Amino acid sequence: NFDTSKVKEFNQMFQSCGSLVSLDLSTFDTSSATNIYYMFQGCYSLTSINISNFVTSNVETMSYMFSSCNKLVSVDVSTFDTSNVLDMQNMFSGCSSLVSIDLSNFNTAKVTNFRNMFFNCASLNTINLSNFNTSSAQEMDHMFDGCISLRELNLSNFNTINVNNFERMFYNCKSLIFLDVVNFNTEKALNMKEMFSNCISL
């Protein structure tokens, strides 16, 4: 029965609630929210979460939102409006049980930071990023680092003209047999350390 219609800051609200198993926030009014970073970070036991009615049109940062939710098998973010989001770093990092995720509706035109976004998503075997607009991106280091179950990744639509950091972007993606980075523009790159290191199946 929480009235959250005027709440702007939800960041860290449930951070490190390590024993929380399920969470139903379907009645939360997040229409005024500008920050939801770290909101569920460290909810290690969380297996079920309902955020299907979240309104995120005013949100500017989603960094670390689900970080270390390592028992979460699925999360529905298909209704998220990300048109004003600037930072998605570590958004799903450490979600080691996450098998697939639908981000086809994500508008990432303003996002500058994708660092560690899917870091150590060890069970992730499919992801469609064909609608990602990365024209504002500057940081992509460790973006898929540790995604050991990913077999195919098509990033032919990625615009990397402004990216300066690619360090360990695909590090330890040891099941990857297909990777399309044909359109990557690396003229502003300053760091490519271990970018494809341990991609033993490529």
N, C-alpha and C. Protein backbone atom coordinates (compact mmCIF):
# COMPACT_ATOMS: atom_id res chain seq x y z
N ASN A 1 0.81 -1.23 0.00
CA ASN A 1 0.00 0.00 0.00
C ASN A 1 0.84 1.27 0.00
N PHE A 2 2.14 1.13 -0.28
CA PHE A 2 3.01 2.30 -0.33
C PHE A 2 2.54 3.27 -1.42
N ASP A 3 2.41 4.54 -1.06
CA ASP A 3 2.15 5.58 -2.06
C ASP A 3 3.51 6.15 -2.46
N THR A 4 3.99 5.78 -3.64
CA THR A 4 5.32 6.20 -4.09
C THR A 4 5.25 7.17 -5.26
N SER A 5 4.09 7.79 -5.44
CA SER A 5 3.85 8.62 -6.62
C SER A 5 4.77 9.84 -6.71
N LYS A 6 5.31 10.30 -5.56
CA LYS A 6 6.17 11.48 -5.56
C LYS A 6 7.65 11.14 -5.35
N VAL A 7 7.93 9.87 -5.20
CA VAL A 7 9.30 9.45 -4.90
C VAL A 7 10.19 9.56 -6.13
N LYS A 8 11.32 10.26 -5.96
CA LYS A 8 12.27 10.42 -7.06
C LYS A 8 13.47 9.46 -6.93
N GLU A 9 13.82 9.14 -5.69
CA GLU A 9 15.00 8.32 -5.45
C GLU A 9 14.62 6.96 -4.87
N PHE A 10 14.86 5.91 -5.65
CA PHE A 10 14.66 4.54 -5.18
C PHE A 10 15.99 3.80 -5.05
N ASN A 11 17.09 4.51 -5.30
CA ASN A 11 18.39 3.85 -5.31
C ASN A 11 18.70 3.19 -3.96
N GLN A 12 19.21 1.97 -4.04
CA GLN A 12 19.65 1.17 -2.88
C GLN A 12 18.52 0.77 -1.93
N MET A 13 17.29 0.86 -2.39
CA MET A 13 16.14 0.62 -1.51
C MET A 13 16.18 -0.78 -0.88
N PHE A 14 16.50 -1.80 -1.69
CA PHE A 14 16.55 -3.18 -1.18
C PHE A 14 17.96 -3.75 -1.22
N GLN A 15 18.95 -2.90 -1.31
CA GLN A 15 20.34 -3.36 -1.43
C GLN A 15 20.74 -4.27 -0.27
N SER A 16 21.38 -5.39 -0.64
CA SER A 16 21.92 -6.35 0.34
C SER A 16 20.87 -6.97 1.24
N CYS A 17 19.63 -7.06 0.76
CA CYS A 17 18.61 -7.85 1.47
C CYS A 17 18.84 -9.30 1.05
N GLY A 18 19.88 -9.88 1.61
CA GLY A 18 20.40 -11.15 1.14
C GLY A 18 19.50 -12.36 1.32
N SER A 19 18.50 -12.28 2.16
CA SER A 19 17.60 -13.41 2.39
C SER A 19 16.26 -13.27 1.69
N LEU A 20 16.05 -12.15 1.04
CA LEU A 20 14.79 -11.89 0.34
C LEU A 20 14.65 -12.82 -0.87
N VAL A 21 13.56 -13.61 -0.89
CA VAL A 21 13.38 -14.62 -1.94
C VAL A 21 12.49 -14.11 -3.07
N SER A 22 11.42 -13.39 -2.75
CA SER A 22 10.53 -12.87 -3.79
C SER A 22 10.10 -11.45 -3.44
N LEU A 23 9.75 -10.71 -4.48
CA LEU A 23 9.41 -9.31 -4.30
C LEU A 23 8.38 -8.90 -5.34
N ASP A 24 7.23 -8.43 -4.88
CA ASP A 24 6.16 -7.99 -5.77
C ASP A 24 6.00 -6.48 -5.64
N LEU A 25 6.46 -5.77 -6.66
CA LEU A 25 6.38 -4.31 -6.67
C LEU A 25 5.44 -3.85 -7.79
N SER A 26 4.48 -4.68 -8.12
CA SER A 26 3.58 -4.39 -9.24
C SER A 26 2.69 -3.18 -8.99
N THR A 27 2.54 -2.78 -7.72
CA THR A 27 1.70 -1.62 -7.41
C THR A 27 2.52 -0.35 -7.19
N PHE A 28 3.84 -0.45 -7.29
CA PHE A 28 4.69 0.73 -7.10
C PHE A 28 4.46 1.74 -8.22
N ASP A 29 4.26 3.00 -7.84
CA ASP A 29 4.16 4.09 -8.82
C ASP A 29 5.55 4.72 -8.91
N THR A 30 6.25 4.49 -10.02
CA THR A 30 7.61 5.01 -10.18
C THR A 30 7.67 6.13 -11.22
N SER A 31 6.54 6.75 -11.48
CA SER A 31 6.46 7.75 -12.54
C SER A 31 7.31 8.99 -12.27
N SER A 32 7.67 9.23 -11.00
CA SER A 32 8.50 10.39 -10.67
C SER A 32 9.97 10.02 -10.49
N ALA A 33 10.27 8.75 -10.59
CA ALA A 33 11.62 8.26 -10.30
C ALA A 33 12.65 8.77 -11.30
N THR A 34 13.79 9.22 -10.77
CA THR A 34 14.92 9.61 -11.61
C THR A 34 16.12 8.69 -11.40
N ASN A 35 16.18 8.06 -10.23
CA ASN A 35 17.29 7.16 -9.92
C ASN A 35 16.81 5.85 -9.31
N ILE A 36 17.25 4.75 -9.90
CA ILE A 36 16.91 3.42 -9.35
C ILE A 36 18.17 2.55 -9.30
N TYR A 37 19.32 3.20 -9.27
CA TYR A 37 20.58 2.43 -9.25
C TYR A 37 20.75 1.69 -7.92
N TYR A 38 21.40 0.53 -8.01
CA TYR A 38 21.64 -0.34 -6.85
C TYR A 38 20.34 -0.78 -6.16
N MET A 39 19.22 -0.65 -6.80
CA MET A 39 17.94 -0.87 -6.12
C MET A 39 17.83 -2.28 -5.53
N PHE A 40 18.29 -3.29 -6.27
CA PHE A 40 18.20 -4.69 -5.80
C PHE A 40 19.58 -5.33 -5.69
N GLN A 41 20.62 -4.54 -5.75
CA GLN A 41 21.98 -5.06 -5.72
C GLN A 41 22.24 -5.87 -4.44
N GLY A 42 22.80 -7.05 -4.63
CA GLY A 42 23.13 -7.88 -3.47
C GLY A 42 21.97 -8.66 -2.89
N CYS A 43 20.85 -8.74 -3.61
CA CYS A 43 19.73 -9.59 -3.17
C CYS A 43 20.03 -11.01 -3.65
N TYR A 44 20.96 -11.65 -2.98
CA TYR A 44 21.54 -12.92 -3.42
C TYR A 44 20.54 -14.08 -3.51
N SER A 45 19.46 -14.02 -2.73
CA SER A 45 18.51 -15.13 -2.68
C SER A 45 17.27 -14.89 -3.53
N LEU A 46 17.19 -13.74 -4.15
CA LEU A 46 16.00 -13.36 -4.92
C LEU A 46 15.82 -14.25 -6.14
N THR A 47 14.68 -14.93 -6.20
CA THR A 47 14.38 -15.80 -7.36
C THR A 47 13.21 -15.29 -8.17
N SER A 48 12.38 -14.42 -7.58
CA SER A 48 11.20 -13.90 -8.27
C SER A 48 11.02 -12.42 -7.96
N ILE A 49 10.82 -11.63 -9.03
CA ILE A 49 10.61 -10.20 -8.84
C ILE A 49 9.62 -9.70 -9.88
N ASN A 50 8.63 -8.94 -9.43
CA ASN A 50 7.63 -8.39 -10.33
C ASN A 50 7.78 -6.86 -10.38
N ILE A 51 8.33 -6.38 -11.48
CA ILE A 51 8.49 -4.94 -11.69
C ILE A 51 7.89 -4.57 -13.05
N SER A 52 6.92 -5.35 -13.46
CA SER A 52 6.35 -5.23 -14.81
C SER A 52 5.63 -3.91 -15.04
N ASN A 53 5.26 -3.21 -13.95
CA ASN A 53 4.54 -1.95 -14.11
C ASN A 53 5.40 -0.72 -13.83
N PHE A 54 6.69 -0.94 -13.74
CA PHE A 54 7.59 0.19 -13.48
C PHE A 54 7.53 1.20 -14.63
N VAL A 55 7.37 2.46 -14.28
CA VAL A 55 7.46 3.56 -15.25
C VAL A 55 8.84 4.19 -15.07
N THR A 56 9.65 4.13 -16.11
CA THR A 56 11.05 4.58 -15.97
C THR A 56 11.40 5.71 -16.95
N SER A 57 10.41 6.40 -17.42
CA SER A 57 10.64 7.43 -18.45
C SER A 57 11.50 8.59 -17.98
N ASN A 58 11.57 8.80 -16.65
CA ASN A 58 12.38 9.90 -16.11
C ASN A 58 13.69 9.43 -15.49
N VAL A 59 13.92 8.15 -15.53
CA VAL A 59 15.12 7.57 -14.89
C VAL A 59 16.38 7.88 -15.69
N GLU A 60 17.44 8.31 -14.98
CA GLU A 60 18.70 8.67 -15.62
C GLU A 60 19.80 7.65 -15.39
N THR A 61 19.69 6.89 -14.33
CA THR A 61 20.72 5.87 -14.09
C THR A 61 20.11 4.57 -13.58
N MET A 62 20.55 3.46 -14.19
CA MET A 62 20.12 2.12 -13.80
C MET A 62 21.33 1.27 -13.41
N SER A 63 22.45 1.89 -13.13
CA SER A 63 23.66 1.15 -12.83
C SER A 63 23.49 0.26 -11.59
N TYR A 64 24.04 -0.95 -11.67
CA TYR A 64 24.04 -1.92 -10.57
C TYR A 64 22.63 -2.32 -10.12
N MET A 65 21.63 -2.08 -10.91
CA MET A 65 20.24 -2.29 -10.47
C MET A 65 19.99 -3.72 -9.98
N PHE A 66 20.45 -4.72 -10.77
CA PHE A 66 20.25 -6.13 -10.40
C PHE A 66 21.58 -6.83 -10.09
N SER A 67 22.61 -6.07 -9.90
CA SER A 67 23.94 -6.63 -9.69
C SER A 67 23.97 -7.63 -8.53
N SER A 68 24.58 -8.78 -8.78
CA SER A 68 24.75 -9.85 -7.78
C SER A 68 23.45 -10.52 -7.35
N CYS A 69 22.40 -10.37 -8.15
CA CYS A 69 21.18 -11.17 -7.93
C CYS A 69 21.43 -12.52 -8.59
N ASN A 70 22.27 -13.31 -7.96
CA ASN A 70 22.82 -14.50 -8.64
C ASN A 70 21.88 -15.71 -8.67
N LYS A 71 20.69 -15.59 -8.10
CA LYS A 71 19.72 -16.69 -8.22
C LYS A 71 18.53 -16.32 -9.12
N LEU A 72 18.57 -15.11 -9.63
CA LEU A 72 17.50 -14.64 -10.50
C LEU A 72 17.63 -15.27 -11.89
N VAL A 73 16.64 -16.11 -12.25
CA VAL A 73 16.68 -16.82 -13.54
C VAL A 73 16.12 -15.96 -14.66
N SER A 74 15.13 -15.13 -14.34
CA SER A 74 14.54 -14.25 -15.34
C SER A 74 14.07 -12.96 -14.68
N VAL A 75 14.05 -11.89 -15.47
CA VAL A 75 13.54 -10.61 -15.01
C VAL A 75 12.91 -9.91 -16.21
N ASP A 76 11.68 -9.44 -16.01
CA ASP A 76 10.94 -8.81 -17.10
C ASP A 76 11.15 -7.30 -17.06
N VAL A 77 11.94 -6.82 -18.02
CA VAL A 77 12.16 -5.37 -18.14
C VAL A 77 11.66 -4.88 -19.49
N SER A 78 10.73 -5.63 -20.06
CA SER A 78 10.23 -5.34 -21.41
C SER A 78 9.43 -4.04 -21.49
N THR A 79 8.95 -3.56 -20.34
CA THR A 79 8.16 -2.32 -20.34
C THR A 79 9.00 -1.10 -19.97
N PHE A 80 10.26 -1.31 -19.70
CA PHE A 80 11.12 -0.19 -19.29
C PHE A 80 11.28 0.83 -20.42
N ASP A 81 11.09 2.11 -20.08
CA ASP A 81 11.40 3.21 -21.00
C ASP A 81 12.77 3.74 -20.59
N THR A 82 13.77 3.50 -21.41
CA THR A 82 15.14 3.88 -21.06
C THR A 82 15.64 5.07 -21.88
N SER A 83 14.73 5.84 -22.42
CA SER A 83 15.10 6.92 -23.34
C SER A 83 15.92 8.03 -22.69
N ASN A 84 15.87 8.15 -21.37
CA ASN A 84 16.65 9.18 -20.68
C ASN A 84 17.79 8.64 -19.83
N VAL A 85 18.02 7.35 -19.93
CA VAL A 85 19.07 6.71 -19.13
C VAL A 85 20.45 7.04 -19.70
N LEU A 86 21.36 7.42 -18.79
CA LEU A 86 22.74 7.76 -19.16
C LEU A 86 23.72 6.67 -18.77
N ASP A 87 23.38 5.89 -17.75
CA ASP A 87 24.35 4.94 -17.18
C ASP A 87 23.69 3.58 -16.94
N MET A 88 24.25 2.55 -17.58
CA MET A 88 23.78 1.17 -17.38
C MET A 88 24.91 0.26 -16.89
N GLN A 89 25.96 0.83 -16.38
CA GLN A 89 27.08 -0.01 -15.96
C GLN A 89 26.67 -0.98 -14.85
N ASN A 90 27.15 -2.22 -14.98
CA ASN A 90 26.90 -3.27 -13.99
C ASN A 90 25.43 -3.56 -13.75
N MET A 91 24.58 -3.23 -14.68
CA MET A 91 23.13 -3.37 -14.47
C MET A 91 22.75 -4.81 -14.14
N PHE A 92 23.35 -5.79 -14.85
CA PHE A 92 23.05 -7.20 -14.61
C PHE A 92 24.29 -7.98 -14.18
N SER A 93 25.33 -7.31 -13.80
CA SER A 93 26.58 -7.99 -13.44
C SER A 93 26.37 -8.97 -12.28
N GLY A 94 26.94 -10.14 -12.42
CA GLY A 94 26.82 -11.14 -11.37
C GLY A 94 25.50 -11.87 -11.33
N CYS A 95 24.64 -11.64 -12.33
CA CYS A 95 23.37 -12.40 -12.42
C CYS A 95 23.71 -13.74 -13.07
N SER A 96 24.36 -14.59 -12.32
CA SER A 96 24.96 -15.81 -12.86
C SER A 96 23.95 -16.89 -13.23
N SER A 97 22.69 -16.75 -12.82
CA SER A 97 21.66 -17.74 -13.16
C SER A 97 20.76 -17.28 -14.30
N LEU A 98 20.93 -16.04 -14.73
CA LEU A 98 20.11 -15.47 -15.79
C LEU A 98 20.41 -16.16 -17.12
N VAL A 99 19.38 -16.78 -17.70
CA VAL A 99 19.55 -17.58 -18.92
C VAL A 99 19.35 -16.73 -20.18
N SER A 100 18.33 -15.91 -20.18
CA SER A 100 18.07 -15.03 -21.32
C SER A 100 17.40 -13.76 -20.82
N ILE A 101 17.46 -12.72 -21.64
CA ILE A 101 16.85 -11.46 -21.26
C ILE A 101 16.44 -10.70 -22.51
N ASP A 102 15.25 -10.12 -22.45
CA ASP A 102 14.71 -9.41 -23.60
C ASP A 102 14.93 -7.90 -23.40
N LEU A 103 15.84 -7.34 -24.19
CA LEU A 103 16.13 -5.92 -24.13
C LEU A 103 15.78 -5.24 -25.44
N SER A 104 14.91 -5.87 -26.21
CA SER A 104 14.59 -5.39 -27.55
C SER A 104 13.91 -4.02 -27.55
N ASN A 105 13.32 -3.64 -26.40
CA ASN A 105 12.63 -2.36 -26.32
C ASN A 105 13.52 -1.25 -25.79
N PHE A 106 14.73 -1.59 -25.37
CA PHE A 106 15.60 -0.60 -24.73
C PHE A 106 16.04 0.49 -25.72
N ASN A 107 15.83 1.74 -25.32
CA ASN A 107 16.35 2.89 -26.07
C ASN A 107 17.61 3.34 -25.35
N THR A 108 18.75 3.12 -25.96
CA THR A 108 20.03 3.41 -25.30
C THR A 108 20.77 4.57 -25.95
N ALA A 109 20.04 5.44 -26.62
CA ALA A 109 20.65 6.53 -27.38
C ALA A 109 21.49 7.48 -26.52
N LYS A 110 21.12 7.63 -25.23
CA LYS A 110 21.83 8.57 -24.36
C LYS A 110 22.84 7.88 -23.44
N VAL A 111 22.90 6.57 -23.47
CA VAL A 111 23.77 5.84 -22.54
C VAL A 111 25.24 6.02 -22.92
N THR A 112 26.03 6.48 -21.97
CA THR A 112 27.46 6.65 -22.20
C THR A 112 28.28 5.51 -21.60
N ASN A 113 27.71 4.82 -20.62
CA ASN A 113 28.47 3.81 -19.89
C ASN A 113 27.77 2.45 -19.88
N PHE A 114 28.39 1.48 -20.59
CA PHE A 114 27.91 0.09 -20.60
C PHE A 114 28.88 -0.83 -19.86
N ARG A 115 29.80 -0.27 -19.13
CA ARG A 115 30.84 -1.05 -18.44
C ARG A 115 30.24 -2.14 -17.56
N ASN A 116 30.76 -3.36 -17.73
CA ASN A 116 30.35 -4.50 -16.89
C ASN A 116 28.86 -4.82 -16.94
N MET A 117 28.17 -4.39 -17.96
CA MET A 117 26.70 -4.53 -17.98
C MET A 117 26.25 -5.97 -17.77
N PHE A 118 26.94 -6.93 -18.44
CA PHE A 118 26.57 -8.35 -18.32
C PHE A 118 27.73 -9.15 -17.71
N PHE A 119 28.56 -8.52 -16.94
CA PHE A 119 29.74 -9.15 -16.34
C PHE A 119 29.36 -10.38 -15.51
N ASN A 120 29.99 -11.50 -15.84
CA ASN A 120 29.76 -12.77 -15.12
C ASN A 120 28.31 -13.24 -15.15
N CYS A 121 27.62 -12.96 -16.23
CA CYS A 121 26.31 -13.59 -16.46
C CYS A 121 26.60 -14.96 -17.06
N ALA A 122 27.02 -15.86 -16.21
CA ALA A 122 27.62 -17.13 -16.64
C ALA A 122 26.64 -18.07 -17.33
N SER A 123 25.35 -17.93 -17.07
CA SER A 123 24.35 -18.83 -17.66
C SER A 123 23.67 -18.24 -18.90
N LEU A 124 23.96 -16.99 -19.18
CA LEU A 124 23.33 -16.31 -20.31
C LEU A 124 23.75 -16.96 -21.63
N ASN A 125 22.79 -17.55 -22.33
CA ASN A 125 23.14 -18.23 -23.58
C ASN A 125 22.60 -17.54 -24.81
N THR A 126 21.71 -16.57 -24.62
CA THR A 126 21.20 -15.81 -25.77
C THR A 126 20.85 -14.39 -25.35
N ILE A 127 21.19 -13.46 -26.22
CA ILE A 127 20.86 -12.06 -25.96
C ILE A 127 20.78 -11.32 -27.29
N ASN A 128 19.71 -10.58 -27.45
CA ASN A 128 19.48 -9.84 -28.69
C ASN A 128 19.64 -8.35 -28.42
N LEU A 129 20.71 -7.78 -28.97
CA LEU A 129 20.99 -6.36 -28.78
C LEU A 129 20.90 -5.61 -30.10
N SER A 130 20.11 -6.13 -31.01
CA SER A 130 20.03 -5.57 -32.36
C SER A 130 19.44 -4.17 -32.40
N ASN A 131 18.69 -3.79 -31.34
CA ASN A 131 18.09 -2.46 -31.31
C ASN A 131 18.88 -1.47 -30.47
N PHE A 132 20.02 -1.90 -29.94
CA PHE A 132 20.82 -1.00 -29.11
C PHE A 132 21.41 0.13 -29.96
N ASN A 133 21.22 1.36 -29.48
CA ASN A 133 21.86 2.53 -30.08
C ASN A 133 23.02 2.90 -29.17
N THR A 134 24.23 2.72 -29.65
CA THR A 134 25.41 2.95 -28.82
C THR A 134 26.22 4.17 -29.28
N SER A 135 25.56 5.08 -29.96
CA SER A 135 26.26 6.24 -30.53
C SER A 135 26.85 7.17 -29.47
N SER A 136 26.32 7.13 -28.24
CA SER A 136 26.83 7.98 -27.16
C SER A 136 27.80 7.24 -26.26
N ALA A 137 27.96 5.96 -26.47
CA ALA A 137 28.77 5.13 -25.58
C ALA A 137 30.24 5.52 -25.58
N GLN A 138 30.82 5.54 -24.37
CA GLN A 138 32.24 5.81 -24.20
C GLN A 138 32.96 4.64 -23.54
N GLU A 139 32.23 3.93 -22.68
CA GLU A 139 32.83 2.81 -21.93
C GLU A 139 32.10 1.51 -22.23
N MET A 140 32.87 0.52 -22.73
CA MET A 140 32.32 -0.82 -22.97
C MET A 140 33.21 -1.90 -22.36
N ASP A 141 34.14 -1.50 -21.50
CA ASP A 141 35.05 -2.48 -20.92
C ASP A 141 34.29 -3.49 -20.06
N HIS A 142 34.71 -4.74 -20.17
CA HIS A 142 34.13 -5.86 -19.40
C HIS A 142 32.63 -6.07 -19.66
N MET A 143 32.12 -5.56 -20.74
CA MET A 143 30.67 -5.60 -20.98
C MET A 143 30.12 -7.02 -20.97
N PHE A 144 30.83 -7.97 -21.63
CA PHE A 144 30.41 -9.37 -21.68
C PHE A 144 31.41 -10.29 -20.98
N ASP A 145 32.29 -9.74 -20.23
CA ASP A 145 33.33 -10.48 -19.51
C ASP A 145 32.70 -11.57 -18.65
N GLY A 146 33.12 -12.81 -18.85
CA GLY A 146 32.63 -13.92 -18.04
C GLY A 146 31.31 -14.51 -18.48
N CYS A 147 30.84 -14.12 -19.66
CA CYS A 147 29.60 -14.73 -20.20
C CYS A 147 30.00 -16.05 -20.87
N ILE A 148 30.28 -17.03 -20.05
CA ILE A 148 30.90 -18.27 -20.52
C ILE A 148 29.96 -19.18 -21.30
N SER A 149 28.66 -18.90 -21.27
CA SER A 149 27.69 -19.75 -21.98
C SER A 149 27.24 -19.16 -23.32
N LEU A 150 27.59 -17.91 -23.58
CA LEU A 150 27.20 -17.27 -24.84
C LEU A 150 27.89 -17.95 -26.01
N ARG A 151 27.11 -18.32 -27.03
CA ARG A 151 27.68 -18.98 -28.21
C ARG A 151 27.71 -18.07 -29.43
N GLU A 152 26.74 -17.16 -29.52
CA GLU A 152 26.69 -16.25 -30.66
C GLU A 152 26.38 -14.83 -30.17
N LEU A 153 27.03 -13.87 -30.81
CA LEU A 153 26.82 -12.48 -30.44
C LEU A 153 26.98 -11.61 -31.69
N ASN A 154 25.87 -11.01 -32.09
CA ASN A 154 25.88 -10.15 -33.27
C ASN A 154 25.80 -8.70 -32.84
N LEU A 155 26.92 -7.99 -32.96
CA LEU A 155 26.99 -6.58 -32.57
C LEU A 155 27.27 -5.72 -33.79
N SER A 156 26.81 -6.17 -34.95
CA SER A 156 27.06 -5.46 -36.20
C SER A 156 26.39 -4.09 -36.25
N ASN A 157 25.39 -3.90 -35.38
CA ASN A 157 24.69 -2.62 -35.33
C ASN A 157 25.35 -1.63 -34.37
N PHE A 158 26.35 -2.07 -33.61
CA PHE A 158 26.97 -1.20 -32.60
C PHE A 158 27.74 -0.05 -33.25
N ASN A 159 27.46 1.16 -32.78
CA ASN A 159 28.22 2.34 -33.19
C ASN A 159 29.20 2.65 -32.07
N THR A 160 30.48 2.47 -32.34
CA THR A 160 31.50 2.63 -31.30
C THR A 160 32.41 3.82 -31.57
N ILE A 161 31.92 4.78 -32.32
CA ILE A 161 32.72 5.93 -32.71
C ILE A 161 33.28 6.71 -31.52
N ASN A 162 32.57 6.70 -30.38
CA ASN A 162 33.00 7.47 -29.21
C ASN A 162 33.58 6.62 -28.09
N VAL A 163 33.69 5.33 -28.32
CA VAL A 163 34.18 4.42 -27.27
C VAL A 163 35.69 4.52 -27.13
N ASN A 164 36.15 4.71 -25.90
CA ASN A 164 37.59 4.77 -25.64
C ASN A 164 38.12 3.56 -24.88
N ASN A 165 37.22 2.78 -24.30
CA ASN A 165 37.67 1.66 -23.48
C ASN A 165 36.96 0.37 -23.86
N PHE A 166 37.74 -0.59 -24.41
CA PHE A 166 37.22 -1.91 -24.78
C PHE A 166 37.86 -3.02 -23.93
N GLU A 167 38.53 -2.66 -22.86
CA GLU A 167 39.28 -3.65 -22.08
C GLU A 167 38.40 -4.82 -21.65
N ARG A 168 38.89 -6.04 -21.95
CA ARG A 168 38.23 -7.29 -21.55
C ARG A 168 36.75 -7.32 -21.93
N MET A 169 36.39 -6.71 -23.00
CA MET A 169 34.98 -6.65 -23.40
C MET A 169 34.37 -8.03 -23.57
N PHE A 170 35.16 -8.97 -24.15
CA PHE A 170 34.68 -10.33 -24.39
C PHE A 170 35.53 -11.36 -23.64
N TYR A 171 36.20 -10.92 -22.61
CA TYR A 171 37.12 -11.80 -21.88
C TYR A 171 36.41 -13.04 -21.33
N ASN A 172 37.03 -14.19 -21.56
CA ASN A 172 36.54 -15.48 -21.03
C ASN A 172 35.19 -15.90 -21.59
N CYS A 173 34.82 -15.36 -22.75
CA CYS A 173 33.62 -15.86 -23.44
C CYS A 173 34.04 -17.12 -24.20
N LYS A 174 34.30 -18.17 -23.44
CA LYS A 174 34.98 -19.34 -23.99
C LYS A 174 34.08 -20.25 -24.83
N SER A 175 32.76 -20.01 -24.83
CA SER A 175 31.86 -20.80 -25.66
C SER A 175 31.49 -20.09 -26.96
N LEU A 176 31.95 -18.85 -27.10
CA LEU A 176 31.59 -18.03 -28.24
C LEU A 176 32.20 -18.59 -29.53
N ILE A 177 31.31 -18.95 -30.48
CA ILE A 177 31.79 -19.46 -31.77
C ILE A 177 31.53 -18.47 -32.91
N PHE A 178 30.67 -17.47 -32.64
CA PHE A 178 30.38 -16.45 -33.64
C PHE A 178 30.30 -15.09 -32.97
N LEU A 179 31.07 -14.15 -33.50
CA LEU A 179 31.08 -12.79 -32.97
C LEU A 179 31.21 -11.81 -34.14
N ASP A 180 30.23 -10.94 -34.30
CA ASP A 180 30.25 -9.97 -35.39
C ASP A 180 30.50 -8.58 -34.83
N VAL A 181 31.72 -8.10 -35.05
CA VAL A 181 32.09 -6.73 -34.66
C VAL A 181 32.61 -5.98 -35.89
N VAL A 182 32.09 -6.36 -37.05
CA VAL A 182 32.60 -5.87 -38.33
C VAL A 182 32.49 -4.35 -38.47
N ASN A 183 31.52 -3.75 -37.80
CA ASN A 183 31.32 -2.32 -37.94
C ASN A 183 31.90 -1.50 -36.79
N PHE A 184 32.68 -2.14 -35.93
CA PHE A 184 33.28 -1.42 -34.81
C PHE A 184 34.25 -0.34 -35.34
N ASN A 185 34.06 0.89 -34.87
CA ASN A 185 34.98 1.98 -35.17
C ASN A 185 35.82 2.20 -33.91
N THR A 186 37.10 1.97 -34.03
CA THR A 186 37.98 2.01 -32.85
C THR A 186 38.96 3.18 -32.88
N GLU A 187 38.66 4.21 -33.64
CA GLU A 187 39.61 5.30 -33.81
C GLU A 187 39.85 6.10 -32.53
N LYS A 188 38.92 6.05 -31.57
CA LYS A 188 39.11 6.76 -30.31
C LYS A 188 39.51 5.83 -29.17
N ALA A 189 39.74 4.58 -29.50
CA ALA A 189 40.08 3.58 -28.48
C ALA A 189 41.43 3.88 -27.84
N LEU A 190 41.47 3.82 -26.51
CA LEU A 190 42.69 3.99 -25.74
C LEU A 190 43.10 2.70 -25.04
N ASN A 191 42.13 1.79 -24.87
CA ASN A 191 42.41 0.56 -24.13
C ASN A 191 41.70 -0.63 -24.77
N MET A 192 42.48 -1.60 -25.24
CA MET A 192 41.93 -2.85 -25.78
C MET A 192 42.54 -4.05 -25.07
N LYS A 193 43.03 -3.83 -23.88
CA LYS A 193 43.71 -4.89 -23.13
C LYS A 193 42.81 -6.11 -22.98
N GLU A 194 43.30 -7.27 -23.40
CA GLU A 194 42.62 -8.57 -23.25
C GLU A 194 41.19 -8.56 -23.78
N MET A 195 40.95 -7.81 -24.82
CA MET A 195 39.59 -7.64 -25.36
C MET A 195 38.95 -8.98 -25.72
N PHE A 196 39.73 -9.88 -26.35
CA PHE A 196 39.19 -11.18 -26.77
C PHE A 196 39.90 -12.34 -26.04
N SER A 197 40.61 -12.03 -25.00
CA SER A 197 41.39 -13.05 -24.29
C SER A 197 40.54 -14.19 -23.77
N ASN A 198 41.02 -15.41 -23.98
CA ASN A 198 40.39 -16.65 -23.54
C ASN A 198 39.07 -16.97 -24.25
N CYS A 199 38.88 -16.37 -25.43
CA CYS A 199 37.75 -16.76 -26.28
C CYS A 199 38.22 -17.98 -27.08
N ILE A 200 38.32 -19.09 -26.42
CA ILE A 200 39.03 -20.26 -26.96
C ILE A 200 38.29 -20.97 -28.08
N SER A 201 37.00 -20.66 -28.27
CA SER A 201 36.23 -21.33 -29.33
C SER A 201 36.12 -20.50 -30.61
N LEU A 202 36.60 -19.26 -30.54
CA LEU A 202 36.54 -18.40 -31.72
C LEU A 202 37.61 -18.79 -32.74
